Protein backbone atom coordinates (compact mmCIF):
# COMPACT_ATOMS: atom_id res chain seq x y z
CA MET A 1 -1.45 4.11 -26.35
CA GLY A 2 -0.47 7.69 -25.54
CA VAL A 3 1.82 6.70 -22.68
CA VAL A 4 5.60 6.58 -22.46
CA TYR A 5 7.10 3.16 -23.20
CA HIS A 6 8.32 1.57 -19.97
CA GLY A 7 11.81 0.91 -21.37
CA ASN A 8 12.44 4.66 -21.62
CA TYR A 9 12.52 4.94 -17.84
CA ALA A 10 16.00 3.36 -17.71
CA GLN A 11 17.23 6.27 -19.85
CA TYR A 12 15.54 8.76 -17.54
CA LEU A 13 17.35 7.20 -14.59
CA GLU A 14 20.65 7.43 -16.43
CA MET A 15 20.03 11.13 -17.12
CA GLY A 16 19.23 11.68 -13.45
CA ARG A 17 22.40 9.86 -12.41
CA VAL A 18 24.62 11.70 -14.90
CA GLU A 19 23.26 15.09 -13.83
CA TRP A 20 23.54 14.17 -10.14
CA LEU A 21 27.23 13.30 -10.62
CA ARG A 22 27.77 16.46 -12.70
CA SER A 23 26.39 18.55 -9.82
CA PHE A 24 29.41 17.32 -7.80
CA GLY A 25 31.88 18.09 -10.57
CA ILE A 26 32.10 14.47 -11.74
CA SER A 27 31.56 13.63 -15.39
CA TYR A 28 31.13 10.22 -17.00
CA LYS A 29 33.37 11.39 -19.83
CA ASN A 30 36.24 12.21 -17.44
CA MET A 31 35.73 8.94 -15.58
CA GLU A 32 36.06 6.98 -18.82
CA GLU A 33 39.07 9.07 -19.88
CA ASN A 34 40.62 7.96 -16.56
CA GLY A 35 39.88 4.30 -17.34
CA VAL A 36 36.80 3.87 -15.13
CA MET A 37 33.38 2.72 -16.29
CA LEU A 38 30.16 2.27 -14.33
CA PRO A 39 27.99 -0.53 -15.72
CA VAL A 40 24.55 -1.08 -14.21
CA ILE A 41 24.31 -4.43 -12.41
CA SER A 42 20.82 -3.99 -10.96
CA LEU A 43 17.77 -1.95 -11.95
CA SER A 44 14.31 -1.95 -10.41
CA ILE A 45 11.38 0.34 -11.09
CA ASN A 46 8.00 0.50 -9.36
CA PHE A 47 5.50 2.14 -11.69
CA LYS A 48 2.72 4.08 -9.99
CA LYS A 49 1.26 6.14 -12.84
CA SER A 50 2.02 6.42 -16.54
CA ALA A 51 3.84 9.35 -18.03
CA VAL A 52 2.01 10.56 -21.11
CA TYR A 53 3.44 12.07 -24.26
CA ASP A 54 4.76 15.61 -23.80
CA ASP A 55 4.86 15.32 -20.00
CA LEU A 56 7.75 17.21 -18.49
CA ILE A 57 9.21 14.86 -15.94
CA THR A 58 11.57 15.36 -13.03
CA VAL A 59 13.91 12.68 -11.77
CA VAL A 60 15.02 13.12 -8.17
CA THR A 61 18.25 11.18 -7.68
CA LYS A 62 19.72 10.28 -4.28
CA LEU A 63 22.86 8.41 -3.33
CA LYS A 64 21.84 5.56 -1.06
CA LYS A 65 25.19 5.18 0.79
CA THR A 66 28.86 6.02 0.44
CA PRO A 67 30.19 4.14 -2.58
CA SER A 68 32.76 1.37 -2.32
CA VAL A 69 33.11 -0.98 -5.29
CA ARG A 70 29.42 -0.41 -5.89
CA ILE A 71 27.41 2.79 -6.03
CA GLU A 72 23.67 2.70 -5.39
CA PHE A 73 21.04 5.29 -6.25
CA ASP A 74 17.36 5.72 -5.36
CA TYR A 75 15.09 7.76 -7.62
CA GLU A 76 11.65 9.32 -7.63
CA ILE A 77 10.07 10.27 -10.94
CA TYR A 78 7.43 13.02 -11.07
CA ASN A 79 5.30 14.56 -13.79
CA GLU A 80 4.78 18.30 -14.21
CA ASP A 81 1.78 18.19 -11.84
CA ASN A 82 4.17 16.84 -9.16
CA GLU A 83 2.43 13.45 -9.19
CA ILE A 84 4.77 10.54 -8.53
CA LEU A 85 5.06 8.31 -11.57
CA GLY A 86 7.34 5.79 -9.91
CA ASP A 87 10.34 5.08 -7.79
CA ALA A 88 13.45 3.18 -8.74
CA ASN A 89 16.82 1.89 -7.65
CA THR A 90 20.02 1.16 -9.53
CA VAL A 91 23.28 -0.43 -8.48
CA LEU A 92 26.40 0.16 -10.55
CA VAL A 93 29.92 -1.16 -10.15
CA PHE A 94 33.17 0.71 -10.69
CA MET A 95 35.17 -1.18 -13.32
CA ASP A 96 38.67 -0.85 -14.70
CA MET A 97 38.08 -0.40 -18.44
CA VAL A 98 41.29 -2.19 -19.44
CA LYS A 99 41.26 -5.11 -17.01
CA LYS A 100 37.44 -5.41 -17.03
CA ARG A 101 37.58 -6.01 -13.28
CA PRO A 102 35.74 -4.30 -10.39
CA ILE A 103 37.71 -1.62 -8.54
CA LYS A 104 37.22 0.53 -5.46
CA CYS A 105 35.49 3.87 -5.97
CA PRO A 106 38.21 6.31 -7.08
CA ASP A 107 39.41 8.69 -4.35
CA TYR A 108 38.66 11.77 -6.46
CA ILE A 109 34.99 10.78 -6.52
CA LEU A 110 34.89 10.15 -2.78
CA GLU A 111 36.48 13.58 -2.23
CA HIS A 112 33.73 15.24 -4.28
CA LEU A 113 31.07 13.44 -2.24
CA GLU A 114 32.57 14.19 1.21
CA ASN A 115 30.24 17.08 1.93
CA LEU A 116 26.93 15.32 1.30
């Protein structure tokens, strides 16, 4: 069909989230090494226009509010002509990898986000 498969957008959001966290000195790898995982518990996407093959896209990622047990992000997805392709929202929960139970956002993450 010449357009990007809708399921790929979840991966784009993950890339936006990972890079957003990295910009604050937080890496998923280090979080997991410290026993914390962040599974997605909610994902919604509003498609406005299709991305086509070879489009360069930009994902703008914003933290919705200070994290607690949950962390919530809003996104806007643009093509290379700066046309909005869609907007999205994800909610993730901080989980102890061993106990498989929700936990409060680790203090070291909150410290990195203090100056937002």
